[in-house]
Amino acid sequence: MDRIDQRFSDKFRSHWVKVKFYQDKPQDNAKRLKDVRFCEATRQAVLHPVLLDEKSIVCPGARHAFGWDSIFKNDSFQGCIDKRDVQKNMLKDIISHAPCLKKPFKYIGLNTAGVPDLVMSYLSPHEVMNLIKIYHNKVGGSLDISLCTIMAVCGGIAVRSYLDGKISLSFGCDDSRKYADMRRESLAVGIPRRLFDIFTD
């Protein structure tokens, strides 16, 4: 499992970010970031290892997804309503069905040392097709995907892949399109640890 990110990069010709959740602070020389969005931090992790905690993340959606704060408890919910121009009850229903950690971790490492809980990347549709072909050829069946444009990378990729142990896909959200290295032609993909061997044999 050493350099799992490199093995994914070699196969799919793209940058992959290792995501690892910690309860205790890792002994790592990762850069501590402040005032960032999770999706924004994945872009910086391509350059150097990153360590995030509750104080690092300013995005209300990511704070909700990682279990650090409820988006319903403060002005963030109204801000989200205004930003998306959606009815309150509709938005509440969408967020209530979005994946989030019930028991939060204290730290999130991006490209830190050791075997990650999942890897994620921003891929072209053609690369996603090849990835799914490999999955089908080795696992069979169909790949069921749940899509949402709220908390799309933090919740829809990182948290969903971790909790469900399945491949996750996302078309992103407004913020991830703006702040992450998620280009117009890209999809976000998350692969949990239990499926690494399928793609790295």
N, C-alpha and C. Protein backbone atom coordinates (compact mmCIF):
# COMPACT_ATOMS: atom_id res chain seq x y z
N MET A 1 0.82 -1.21 0.00
CA MET A 1 0.00 0.00 0.00
C MET A 1 0.86 1.27 0.00
N ASP A 2 2.16 1.12 -0.06
CA ASP A 2 3.02 2.28 -0.04
C ASP A 2 2.81 3.11 -1.30
N ARG A 3 2.74 4.43 -1.16
CA ARG A 3 2.53 5.36 -2.26
C ARG A 3 1.29 5.01 -3.07
N ILE A 4 0.20 4.77 -2.37
CA ILE A 4 -1.04 4.41 -3.04
C ILE A 4 -1.48 5.51 -3.98
N ASP A 5 -1.24 6.78 -3.61
CA ASP A 5 -1.64 7.88 -4.47
C ASP A 5 -0.89 7.85 -5.79
N GLN A 6 0.41 7.47 -5.74
CA GLN A 6 1.20 7.40 -6.96
C GLN A 6 0.71 6.28 -7.87
N ARG A 7 0.30 5.19 -7.28
CA ARG A 7 -0.19 4.07 -8.08
C ARG A 7 -1.49 4.42 -8.78
N PHE A 8 -2.35 5.18 -8.12
CA PHE A 8 -3.56 5.65 -8.78
C PHE A 8 -3.22 6.67 -9.86
N SER A 9 -2.27 7.55 -9.57
CA SER A 9 -1.87 8.57 -10.54
C SER A 9 -1.30 7.94 -11.80
N ASP A 10 -0.49 6.90 -11.63
CA ASP A 10 0.09 6.22 -12.78
C ASP A 10 -0.97 5.58 -13.65
N LYS A 11 -1.99 5.02 -13.01
CA LYS A 11 -3.03 4.32 -13.76
C LYS A 11 -3.98 5.27 -14.48
N PHE A 12 -4.34 6.39 -13.81
CA PHE A 12 -5.35 7.27 -14.38
C PHE A 12 -4.81 8.62 -14.83
N ARG A 13 -3.50 8.80 -14.76
CA ARG A 13 -2.85 10.01 -15.27
C ARG A 13 -3.46 11.29 -14.69
N SER A 14 -3.61 11.31 -13.38
CA SER A 14 -4.16 12.47 -12.70
C SER A 14 -3.64 12.50 -11.26
N HIS A 15 -3.75 13.65 -10.61
CA HIS A 15 -3.34 13.76 -9.21
C HIS A 15 -4.41 13.14 -8.31
N TRP A 16 -3.96 12.35 -7.35
CA TRP A 16 -4.86 11.77 -6.35
C TRP A 16 -4.44 12.25 -4.98
N VAL A 17 -5.42 12.54 -4.14
CA VAL A 17 -5.17 13.01 -2.78
C VAL A 17 -5.58 11.93 -1.80
N LYS A 18 -4.66 11.58 -0.91
CA LYS A 18 -4.97 10.64 0.16
C LYS A 18 -5.69 11.39 1.28
N VAL A 19 -6.79 10.83 1.77
CA VAL A 19 -7.56 11.44 2.87
C VAL A 19 -7.56 10.48 4.04
N LYS A 20 -7.12 10.96 5.20
CA LYS A 20 -7.07 10.12 6.39
C LYS A 20 -7.66 10.88 7.58
N PHE A 21 -8.54 10.20 8.32
CA PHE A 21 -9.16 10.79 9.50
C PHE A 21 -8.42 10.33 10.76
N TYR A 22 -8.22 11.26 11.70
CA TYR A 22 -7.48 10.98 12.94
C TYR A 22 -8.25 11.47 14.16
N GLN A 23 -8.15 10.71 15.24
CA GLN A 23 -8.60 11.20 16.54
C GLN A 23 -7.46 11.85 17.30
N ASP A 24 -6.24 11.36 17.08
CA ASP A 24 -5.06 11.94 17.70
C ASP A 24 -4.22 12.63 16.65
N LYS A 25 -3.57 13.70 17.05
CA LYS A 25 -2.76 14.46 16.11
C LYS A 25 -1.62 13.59 15.60
N PRO A 26 -1.48 13.44 14.29
CA PRO A 26 -0.42 12.59 13.73
C PRO A 26 0.95 13.25 13.87
N GLN A 27 1.95 12.40 14.00
CA GLN A 27 3.33 12.89 14.02
C GLN A 27 3.77 13.06 12.57
N ASP A 28 3.46 14.19 12.02
CA ASP A 28 3.67 14.43 10.60
C ASP A 28 4.07 15.88 10.42
N ASN A 29 4.85 16.15 9.39
CA ASN A 29 5.27 17.53 9.13
C ASN A 29 4.32 18.23 8.16
N ALA A 30 3.06 17.82 8.16
CA ALA A 30 2.07 18.40 7.26
C ALA A 30 1.83 19.87 7.62
N LYS A 31 1.47 20.63 6.62
CA LYS A 31 1.20 22.05 6.81
C LYS A 31 -0.19 22.25 7.38
N ARG A 32 -0.29 22.99 8.48
CA ARG A 32 -1.59 23.31 9.08
C ARG A 32 -2.18 24.50 8.32
N LEU A 33 -3.37 24.32 7.81
CA LEU A 33 -4.03 25.39 7.06
C LEU A 33 -5.07 26.09 7.92
N LYS A 34 -5.33 27.34 7.60
CA LYS A 34 -6.35 28.12 8.29
C LYS A 34 -7.27 28.77 7.28
N ASP A 35 -8.52 28.94 7.68
CA ASP A 35 -9.50 29.68 6.88
C ASP A 35 -9.61 29.16 5.45
N VAL A 36 -9.80 27.86 5.31
CA VAL A 36 -9.93 27.26 3.98
C VAL A 36 -11.20 26.43 3.91
N ARG A 37 -11.60 26.13 2.73
CA ARG A 37 -12.63 25.14 2.48
C ARG A 37 -11.95 23.79 2.29
N PHE A 38 -12.64 22.71 2.57
CA PHE A 38 -12.04 21.40 2.39
C PHE A 38 -11.64 21.18 0.93
N CYS A 39 -12.52 21.52 0.02
CA CYS A 39 -12.21 21.33 -1.40
C CYS A 39 -11.00 22.16 -1.81
N GLU A 40 -10.87 23.35 -1.25
CA GLU A 40 -9.73 24.21 -1.51
C GLU A 40 -8.44 23.58 -1.00
N ALA A 41 -8.52 22.95 0.16
CA ALA A 41 -7.35 22.30 0.76
C ALA A 41 -6.86 21.13 -0.08
N THR A 42 -7.77 20.44 -0.79
CA THR A 42 -7.33 19.31 -1.63
C THR A 42 -6.42 19.80 -2.75
N ARG A 43 -6.62 21.01 -3.20
CA ARG A 43 -5.75 21.57 -4.24
C ARG A 43 -4.35 21.82 -3.69
N GLN A 44 -4.28 22.34 -2.46
CA GLN A 44 -2.97 22.61 -1.85
C GLN A 44 -2.24 21.32 -1.50
N ALA A 45 -3.00 20.26 -1.22
CA ALA A 45 -2.39 18.98 -0.83
C ALA A 45 -1.59 18.35 -1.97
N VAL A 46 -1.84 18.76 -3.19
CA VAL A 46 -1.07 18.25 -4.33
C VAL A 46 0.38 18.73 -4.22
N LEU A 47 0.58 19.87 -3.58
CA LEU A 47 1.92 20.45 -3.46
C LEU A 47 2.65 20.00 -2.20
N HIS A 48 1.91 19.76 -1.10
CA HIS A 48 2.53 19.38 0.17
C HIS A 48 1.46 18.77 1.07
N PRO A 49 1.84 17.90 2.00
CA PRO A 49 0.85 17.32 2.92
C PRO A 49 0.16 18.40 3.74
N VAL A 50 -1.12 18.18 4.02
CA VAL A 50 -1.95 19.17 4.71
C VAL A 50 -2.62 18.51 5.91
N LEU A 51 -2.73 19.24 7.01
CA LEU A 51 -3.45 18.78 8.18
C LEU A 51 -4.54 19.79 8.51
N LEU A 52 -5.76 19.31 8.63
CA LEU A 52 -6.90 20.16 8.94
C LEU A 52 -7.51 19.78 10.27
N ASP A 53 -8.06 20.77 10.97
CA ASP A 53 -8.85 20.49 12.17
C ASP A 53 -10.08 21.40 12.15
N GLU A 54 -10.81 21.39 13.24
CA GLU A 54 -12.07 22.15 13.29
C GLU A 54 -11.85 23.63 13.02
N LYS A 55 -10.72 24.16 13.47
CA LYS A 55 -10.46 25.59 13.31
C LYS A 55 -9.99 25.94 11.89
N SER A 56 -9.61 24.93 11.13
CA SER A 56 -9.10 25.19 9.79
C SER A 56 -10.20 25.53 8.79
N ILE A 57 -11.36 24.91 8.96
CA ILE A 57 -12.40 24.95 7.95
C ILE A 57 -13.39 26.09 8.20
N VAL A 58 -13.57 26.93 7.19
CA VAL A 58 -14.50 28.05 7.31
C VAL A 58 -15.83 27.77 6.60
N CYS A 59 -15.87 26.80 5.74
CA CYS A 59 -17.08 26.49 4.98
C CYS A 59 -18.11 25.82 5.89
N PRO A 60 -19.30 26.41 6.04
CA PRO A 60 -20.33 25.82 6.91
C PRO A 60 -20.75 24.42 6.47
N GLY A 61 -20.78 24.19 5.16
CA GLY A 61 -21.15 22.88 4.66
C GLY A 61 -20.15 21.81 5.06
N ALA A 62 -18.86 22.11 4.93
CA ALA A 62 -17.83 21.14 5.32
C ALA A 62 -17.83 20.92 6.82
N ARG A 63 -18.02 21.98 7.59
CA ARG A 63 -18.07 21.83 9.04
C ARG A 63 -19.23 20.92 9.45
N HIS A 64 -20.34 21.04 8.73
CA HIS A 64 -21.49 20.18 8.99
C HIS A 64 -21.18 18.74 8.57
N ALA A 65 -20.60 18.56 7.39
CA ALA A 65 -20.30 17.23 6.87
C ALA A 65 -19.35 16.47 7.78
N PHE A 66 -18.36 17.16 8.36
CA PHE A 66 -17.38 16.50 9.21
C PHE A 66 -17.81 16.44 10.68
N GLY A 67 -19.03 16.87 10.97
CA GLY A 67 -19.57 16.75 12.31
C GLY A 67 -19.07 17.77 13.31
N TRP A 68 -18.44 18.84 12.84
CA TRP A 68 -17.88 19.83 13.73
C TRP A 68 -18.88 20.92 14.11
N ASP A 69 -19.90 21.09 13.32
CA ASP A 69 -20.89 22.13 13.59
C ASP A 69 -22.13 21.83 12.77
N SER A 70 -23.30 22.16 13.28
CA SER A 70 -24.53 21.96 12.53
C SER A 70 -24.85 23.21 11.72
N ILE A 71 -25.11 23.01 10.47
CA ILE A 71 -25.43 24.15 9.60
C ILE A 71 -26.77 24.75 9.98
N PHE A 72 -27.57 24.02 10.75
CA PHE A 72 -28.90 24.50 11.14
C PHE A 72 -28.87 25.37 12.39
N LYS A 73 -27.72 25.47 13.07
CA LYS A 73 -27.67 26.15 14.37
C LYS A 73 -27.33 27.63 14.29
N ASN A 74 -26.96 28.12 13.15
CA ASN A 74 -26.53 29.51 13.08
C ASN A 74 -27.01 30.16 11.78
N ASP A 75 -26.44 31.29 11.47
CA ASP A 75 -26.87 32.06 10.30
C ASP A 75 -26.47 31.39 8.98
N SER A 76 -25.66 30.34 9.06
CA SER A 76 -25.18 29.69 7.85
C SER A 76 -26.33 29.11 7.02
N PHE A 77 -27.36 28.62 7.71
CA PHE A 77 -28.48 28.02 6.99
C PHE A 77 -29.21 29.07 6.16
N GLN A 78 -29.45 30.23 6.75
CA GLN A 78 -30.10 31.30 6.00
C GLN A 78 -29.21 31.78 4.87
N GLY A 79 -27.92 31.83 5.12
CA GLY A 79 -26.99 32.22 4.07
C GLY A 79 -27.01 31.25 2.90
N CYS A 80 -27.15 29.97 3.21
CA CYS A 80 -27.23 28.94 2.19
C CYS A 80 -28.53 29.07 1.39
N ILE A 81 -29.61 29.41 2.09
CA ILE A 81 -30.90 29.62 1.41
C ILE A 81 -30.79 30.78 0.42
N ASP A 82 -30.19 31.87 0.89
CA ASP A 82 -30.04 33.06 0.04
C ASP A 82 -29.13 32.77 -1.16
N LYS A 83 -28.07 32.03 -0.91
CA LYS A 83 -27.09 31.75 -1.97
C LYS A 83 -27.69 30.89 -3.06
N ARG A 84 -28.48 29.91 -2.67
CA ARG A 84 -29.01 28.95 -3.64
C ARG A 84 -30.41 29.31 -4.14
N ASP A 85 -31.05 30.33 -3.51
CA ASP A 85 -32.38 30.75 -3.91
C ASP A 85 -33.34 29.55 -3.93
N VAL A 86 -33.41 28.88 -2.78
CA VAL A 86 -34.24 27.68 -2.65
C VAL A 86 -35.12 27.81 -1.42
N GLN A 87 -36.25 27.15 -1.40
CA GLN A 87 -37.14 27.20 -0.26
C GLN A 87 -36.50 26.53 0.96
N LYS A 88 -36.81 27.06 2.12
CA LYS A 88 -36.20 26.60 3.37
C LYS A 88 -36.44 25.11 3.61
N ASN A 89 -37.68 24.66 3.44
CA ASN A 89 -37.98 23.25 3.72
C ASN A 89 -37.31 22.32 2.71
N MET A 90 -37.17 22.79 1.47
CA MET A 90 -36.50 21.98 0.45
C MET A 90 -35.02 21.83 0.77
N LEU A 91 -34.37 22.94 1.14
CA LEU A 91 -32.95 22.89 1.47
C LEU A 91 -32.70 22.04 2.71
N LYS A 92 -33.56 22.17 3.69
CA LYS A 92 -33.41 21.38 4.91
C LYS A 92 -33.49 19.89 4.61
N ASP A 93 -34.40 19.51 3.72
CA ASP A 93 -34.53 18.11 3.33
C ASP A 93 -33.28 17.62 2.61
N ILE A 94 -32.74 18.44 1.71
CA ILE A 94 -31.53 18.05 0.96
C ILE A 94 -30.36 17.85 1.92
N ILE A 95 -30.14 18.81 2.81
CA ILE A 95 -29.02 18.72 3.75
C ILE A 95 -29.20 17.55 4.71
N SER A 96 -30.42 17.30 5.12
CA SER A 96 -30.69 16.20 6.05
C SER A 96 -30.34 14.84 5.45
N HIS A 97 -30.38 14.73 4.14
CA HIS A 97 -30.06 13.47 3.47
C HIS A 97 -28.60 13.40 3.02
N ALA A 98 -27.86 14.49 3.18
CA ALA A 98 -26.44 14.51 2.80
C ALA A 98 -25.62 13.77 3.86
N PRO A 99 -24.58 13.06 3.45
CA PRO A 99 -23.77 12.31 4.43
C PRO A 99 -23.00 13.24 5.36
N CYS A 100 -22.96 12.88 6.63
CA CYS A 100 -22.16 13.63 7.59
C CYS A 100 -21.71 12.68 8.70
N LEU A 101 -20.60 13.01 9.31
CA LEU A 101 -20.06 12.19 10.39
C LEU A 101 -20.83 12.46 11.68
N LYS A 102 -21.37 11.42 12.28
CA LYS A 102 -22.07 11.57 13.55
C LYS A 102 -21.08 11.75 14.69
N LYS A 103 -19.94 11.05 14.58
CA LYS A 103 -18.88 11.19 15.56
C LYS A 103 -17.68 11.81 14.86
N PRO A 104 -17.43 13.09 15.10
CA PRO A 104 -16.37 13.78 14.36
C PRO A 104 -14.97 13.32 14.74
N PHE A 105 -14.08 13.40 13.79
CA PHE A 105 -12.66 13.20 14.04
C PHE A 105 -12.04 14.55 14.38
N LYS A 106 -10.90 14.53 15.04
CA LYS A 106 -10.25 15.78 15.43
C LYS A 106 -9.39 16.36 14.32
N TYR A 107 -8.88 15.47 13.46
CA TYR A 107 -7.99 15.93 12.39
C TYR A 107 -8.30 15.21 11.09
N ILE A 108 -8.01 15.89 9.99
CA ILE A 108 -8.09 15.28 8.67
C ILE A 108 -6.75 15.53 7.98
N GLY A 109 -6.11 14.46 7.56
CA GLY A 109 -4.85 14.58 6.85
C GLY A 109 -5.07 14.41 5.35
N LEU A 110 -4.42 15.26 4.58
CA LEU A 110 -4.45 15.16 3.13
C LEU A 110 -3.02 14.91 2.65
N ASN A 111 -2.81 13.75 2.08
CA ASN A 111 -1.48 13.31 1.63
C ASN A 111 -0.48 13.20 2.78
N THR A 112 -0.99 12.89 3.96
CA THR A 112 -0.10 12.60 5.09
C THR A 112 0.39 11.15 4.98
N ALA A 113 1.35 10.80 5.82
CA ALA A 113 1.98 9.48 5.74
C ALA A 113 1.00 8.38 6.13
N GLY A 114 1.27 7.18 5.61
CA GLY A 114 0.47 6.03 5.98
C GLY A 114 -0.65 5.73 5.00
N VAL A 115 -1.33 4.64 5.25
CA VAL A 115 -2.43 4.21 4.38
C VAL A 115 -3.65 5.08 4.66
N PRO A 116 -4.23 5.71 3.66
CA PRO A 116 -5.37 6.60 3.88
C PRO A 116 -6.68 5.83 4.02
N ASP A 117 -7.71 6.55 4.46
CA ASP A 117 -9.06 5.97 4.52
C ASP A 117 -9.72 5.97 3.14
N LEU A 118 -9.30 6.91 2.31
CA LEU A 118 -9.80 6.97 0.94
C LEU A 118 -8.85 7.81 0.10
N VAL A 119 -8.98 7.70 -1.19
CA VAL A 119 -8.29 8.60 -2.11
C VAL A 119 -9.34 9.29 -2.95
N MET A 120 -9.00 10.49 -3.40
CA MET A 120 -9.94 11.24 -4.23
C MET A 120 -9.20 12.01 -5.31
N SER A 121 -9.91 12.32 -6.37
CA SER A 121 -9.31 13.05 -7.47
C SER A 121 -10.40 13.76 -8.26
N TYR A 122 -9.96 14.63 -9.17
CA TYR A 122 -10.86 15.29 -10.11
C TYR A 122 -10.50 14.77 -11.50
N LEU A 123 -11.42 13.99 -12.08
CA LEU A 123 -11.13 13.27 -13.31
C LEU A 123 -12.00 13.72 -14.46
N SER A 124 -11.52 13.48 -15.67
CA SER A 124 -12.34 13.71 -16.86
C SER A 124 -13.38 12.60 -16.97
N PRO A 125 -14.47 12.82 -17.69
CA PRO A 125 -15.46 11.76 -17.88
C PRO A 125 -14.85 10.49 -18.48
N HIS A 126 -13.87 10.64 -19.36
CA HIS A 126 -13.24 9.47 -19.97
C HIS A 126 -12.48 8.65 -18.92
N GLU A 127 -11.78 9.34 -18.01
CA GLU A 127 -11.07 8.63 -16.95
C GLU A 127 -12.04 7.95 -16.00
N VAL A 128 -13.19 8.61 -15.73
CA VAL A 128 -14.20 8.00 -14.87
C VAL A 128 -14.77 6.75 -15.53
N MET A 129 -14.98 6.82 -16.83
CA MET A 129 -15.46 5.65 -17.56
C MET A 129 -14.49 4.48 -17.41
N ASN A 130 -13.19 4.75 -17.58
CA ASN A 130 -12.19 3.69 -17.45
C ASN A 130 -12.16 3.12 -16.03
N LEU A 131 -12.31 3.99 -15.04
CA LEU A 131 -12.33 3.56 -13.65
C LEU A 131 -13.53 2.63 -13.39
N ILE A 132 -14.68 3.01 -13.89
CA ILE A 132 -15.87 2.20 -13.68
C ILE A 132 -15.78 0.89 -14.44
N LYS A 133 -15.15 0.90 -15.62
CA LYS A 133 -14.95 -0.34 -16.37
C LYS A 133 -14.11 -1.33 -15.57
N ILE A 134 -13.05 -0.83 -14.93
CA ILE A 134 -12.22 -1.70 -14.09
C ILE A 134 -13.04 -2.27 -12.94
N TYR A 135 -13.83 -1.41 -12.32
CA TYR A 135 -14.69 -1.86 -11.22
C TYR A 135 -15.65 -2.95 -11.69
N HIS A 136 -16.32 -2.72 -12.81
CA HIS A 136 -17.27 -3.70 -13.32
C HIS A 136 -16.60 -5.02 -13.69
N ASN A 137 -15.43 -4.94 -14.31
CA ASN A 137 -14.74 -6.15 -14.74
C ASN A 137 -14.30 -7.02 -13.57
N LYS A 138 -14.07 -6.39 -12.41
CA LYS A 138 -13.58 -7.15 -11.25
C LYS A 138 -14.66 -7.44 -10.21
N VAL A 139 -15.69 -6.60 -10.17
CA VAL A 139 -16.72 -6.74 -9.15
C VAL A 139 -18.04 -7.20 -9.76
N GLY A 140 -18.35 -6.72 -10.96
CA GLY A 140 -19.63 -7.03 -11.59
C GLY A 140 -20.73 -6.15 -11.04
N GLY A 141 -21.96 -6.44 -11.43
CA GLY A 141 -23.08 -5.65 -10.94
C GLY A 141 -23.07 -4.24 -11.47
N SER A 142 -23.84 -3.38 -10.83
CA SER A 142 -23.90 -1.98 -11.21
C SER A 142 -23.36 -1.11 -10.10
N LEU A 143 -22.95 0.09 -10.46
CA LEU A 143 -22.41 1.03 -9.48
C LEU A 143 -23.48 2.07 -9.20
N ASP A 144 -24.08 2.00 -8.03
CA ASP A 144 -25.12 2.95 -7.67
C ASP A 144 -24.49 4.22 -7.11
N ILE A 145 -24.91 5.36 -7.64
CA ILE A 145 -24.31 6.64 -7.27
C ILE A 145 -25.40 7.58 -6.74
N SER A 146 -25.09 8.27 -5.65
CA SER A 146 -25.97 9.30 -5.11
C SER A 146 -25.33 10.66 -5.37
N LEU A 147 -26.05 11.55 -6.00
CA LEU A 147 -25.50 12.84 -6.40
C LEU A 147 -26.21 13.99 -5.69
N CYS A 148 -25.43 15.00 -5.31
CA CYS A 148 -25.97 16.19 -4.68
C CYS A 148 -25.02 17.35 -4.94
N THR A 149 -25.57 18.55 -5.11
CA THR A 149 -24.73 19.72 -5.35
C THR A 149 -24.55 20.56 -4.10
N ILE A 150 -24.82 19.98 -2.94
CA ILE A 150 -24.57 20.63 -1.65
C ILE A 150 -23.56 19.79 -0.90
N MET A 151 -22.51 20.42 -0.36
CA MET A 151 -21.43 19.70 0.33
C MET A 151 -20.92 18.56 -0.57
N ALA A 152 -20.72 18.88 -1.81
CA ALA A 152 -20.49 17.86 -2.83
C ALA A 152 -19.16 17.13 -2.68
N VAL A 153 -18.09 17.83 -2.34
CA VAL A 153 -16.78 17.19 -2.21
C VAL A 153 -16.53 16.75 -0.77
N CYS A 154 -16.79 17.62 0.18
CA CYS A 154 -16.56 17.27 1.59
C CYS A 154 -17.49 16.13 2.03
N GLY A 155 -18.78 16.29 1.78
CA GLY A 155 -19.74 15.28 2.17
C GLY A 155 -19.93 14.19 1.14
N GLY A 156 -20.16 14.61 -0.10
CA GLY A 156 -20.48 13.67 -1.16
C GLY A 156 -19.34 12.78 -1.59
N ILE A 157 -18.10 13.20 -1.35
CA ILE A 157 -16.94 12.39 -1.71
C ILE A 157 -16.25 11.86 -0.46
N ALA A 158 -15.68 12.74 0.36
CA ALA A 158 -14.87 12.29 1.50
C ALA A 158 -15.69 11.51 2.52
N VAL A 159 -16.79 12.10 2.99
CA VAL A 159 -17.58 11.45 4.04
C VAL A 159 -18.33 10.24 3.48
N ARG A 160 -18.93 10.37 2.31
CA ARG A 160 -19.70 9.26 1.76
C ARG A 160 -18.82 8.04 1.48
N SER A 161 -17.65 8.25 0.88
CA SER A 161 -16.76 7.12 0.60
C SER A 161 -16.32 6.44 1.89
N TYR A 162 -16.04 7.25 2.92
CA TYR A 162 -15.61 6.70 4.20
C TYR A 162 -16.73 5.91 4.87
N LEU A 163 -17.92 6.48 4.94
CA LEU A 163 -19.03 5.83 5.65
C LEU A 163 -19.59 4.62 4.89
N ASP A 164 -19.74 4.75 3.59
CA ASP A 164 -20.38 3.70 2.80
C ASP A 164 -19.40 2.64 2.30
N GLY A 165 -18.12 2.96 2.25
CA GLY A 165 -17.14 2.02 1.72
C GLY A 165 -17.34 1.75 0.25
N LYS A 166 -17.86 2.75 -0.47
CA LYS A 166 -18.15 2.60 -1.90
C LYS A 166 -17.52 3.75 -2.69
N ILE A 167 -17.40 3.53 -4.00
CA ILE A 167 -16.97 4.60 -4.88
C ILE A 167 -18.02 5.71 -4.87
N SER A 168 -17.58 6.93 -4.81
CA SER A 168 -18.50 8.06 -4.86
C SER A 168 -18.10 8.98 -6.01
N LEU A 169 -19.10 9.59 -6.62
CA LEU A 169 -18.90 10.55 -7.70
C LEU A 169 -19.64 11.83 -7.38
N SER A 170 -19.14 12.94 -7.87
CA SER A 170 -19.82 14.21 -7.66
C SER A 170 -19.49 15.16 -8.81
N PHE A 171 -20.49 15.94 -9.20
CA PHE A 171 -20.28 17.00 -10.18
C PHE A 171 -19.85 18.29 -9.49
N GLY A 172 -19.66 18.23 -8.20
CA GLY A 172 -19.20 19.39 -7.45
C GLY A 172 -20.33 20.29 -7.01
N CYS A 173 -19.94 21.38 -6.37
CA CYS A 173 -20.87 22.42 -5.96
C CYS A 173 -20.27 23.75 -6.41
N ASP A 174 -20.96 24.84 -6.20
CA ASP A 174 -20.45 26.13 -6.65
C ASP A 174 -19.08 26.44 -6.07
N ASP A 175 -18.90 26.14 -4.77
CA ASP A 175 -17.62 26.45 -4.13
C ASP A 175 -16.49 25.56 -4.63
N SER A 176 -16.75 24.26 -4.79
CA SER A 176 -15.67 23.38 -5.26
C SER A 176 -15.26 23.72 -6.69
N ARG A 177 -16.21 24.14 -7.50
CA ARG A 177 -15.87 24.58 -8.85
C ARG A 177 -15.01 25.84 -8.82
N LYS A 178 -15.21 26.66 -7.80
CA LYS A 178 -14.48 27.93 -7.71
C LYS A 178 -13.14 27.79 -7.01
N TYR A 179 -13.09 27.01 -5.92
CA TYR A 179 -11.90 27.02 -5.07
C TYR A 179 -11.00 25.80 -5.22
N ALA A 180 -11.53 24.70 -5.69
CA ALA A 180 -10.71 23.50 -5.85
C ALA A 180 -10.19 23.42 -7.28
N ASP A 181 -9.30 22.48 -7.50
CA ASP A 181 -8.80 22.26 -8.85
C ASP A 181 -9.79 21.37 -9.60
N MET A 182 -11.01 21.84 -9.70
CA MET A 182 -12.08 21.10 -10.35
C MET A 182 -12.49 21.85 -11.60
N ARG A 183 -11.96 21.43 -12.69
CA ARG A 183 -12.18 22.15 -13.93
C ARG A 183 -13.56 21.90 -14.49
N ARG A 184 -13.86 22.66 -15.49
CA ARG A 184 -15.19 22.60 -16.11
C ARG A 184 -15.54 21.19 -16.57
N GLU A 185 -14.54 20.47 -17.04
CA GLU A 185 -14.77 19.15 -17.62
C GLU A 185 -14.54 18.01 -16.63
N SER A 186 -14.40 18.31 -15.34
CA SER A 186 -14.02 17.30 -14.35
C SER A 186 -15.18 16.85 -13.47
N LEU A 187 -15.05 15.61 -12.96
CA LEU A 187 -15.91 15.08 -11.92
C LEU A 187 -15.02 14.74 -10.72
N ALA A 188 -15.58 14.85 -9.53
CA ALA A 188 -14.86 14.41 -8.33
C ALA A 188 -15.14 12.93 -8.09
N VAL A 189 -14.10 12.20 -7.71
CA VAL A 189 -14.22 10.76 -7.47
C VAL A 189 -13.56 10.42 -6.14
N GLY A 190 -14.22 9.56 -5.36
CA GLY A 190 -13.65 9.06 -4.12
C GLY A 190 -13.67 7.55 -4.10
N ILE A 191 -12.57 6.95 -3.65
CA ILE A 191 -12.46 5.49 -3.57
C ILE A 191 -12.01 5.11 -2.16
N PRO A 192 -12.79 4.30 -1.44
CA PRO A 192 -12.43 3.92 -0.07
C PRO A 192 -11.31 2.88 -0.04
N ARG A 193 -10.70 2.76 1.12
CA ARG A 193 -9.55 1.86 1.28
C ARG A 193 -9.85 0.42 0.87
N ARG A 194 -11.03 -0.08 1.18
CA ARG A 194 -11.34 -1.48 0.94
C ARG A 194 -11.35 -1.82 -0.55
N LEU A 195 -11.42 -0.80 -1.42
CA LEU A 195 -11.45 -1.04 -2.86
C LEU A 195 -10.13 -0.73 -3.55
N PHE A 196 -9.10 -0.33 -2.79
CA PHE A 196 -7.83 0.06 -3.42
C PHE A 196 -7.28 -1.04 -4.32
N ASP A 197 -7.30 -2.27 -3.83
CA ASP A 197 -6.67 -3.37 -4.58
C ASP A 197 -7.29 -3.59 -5.95
N ILE A 198 -8.54 -3.24 -6.11
CA ILE A 198 -9.20 -3.41 -7.40
C ILE A 198 -8.51 -2.59 -8.47
N PHE A 199 -8.01 -1.42 -8.08
CA PHE A 199 -7.44 -0.49 -9.06
C PHE A 199 -5.92 -0.44 -9.08
N THR A 200 -5.27 -1.11 -8.15
CA THR A 200 -3.81 -0.99 -8.06
C THR A 200 -3.10 -2.32 -8.31
N ASP A 201 -3.82 -3.36 -8.70
CA ASP A 201 -3.18 -4.66 -9.02
C ASP A 201 -2.25 -4.52 -10.22
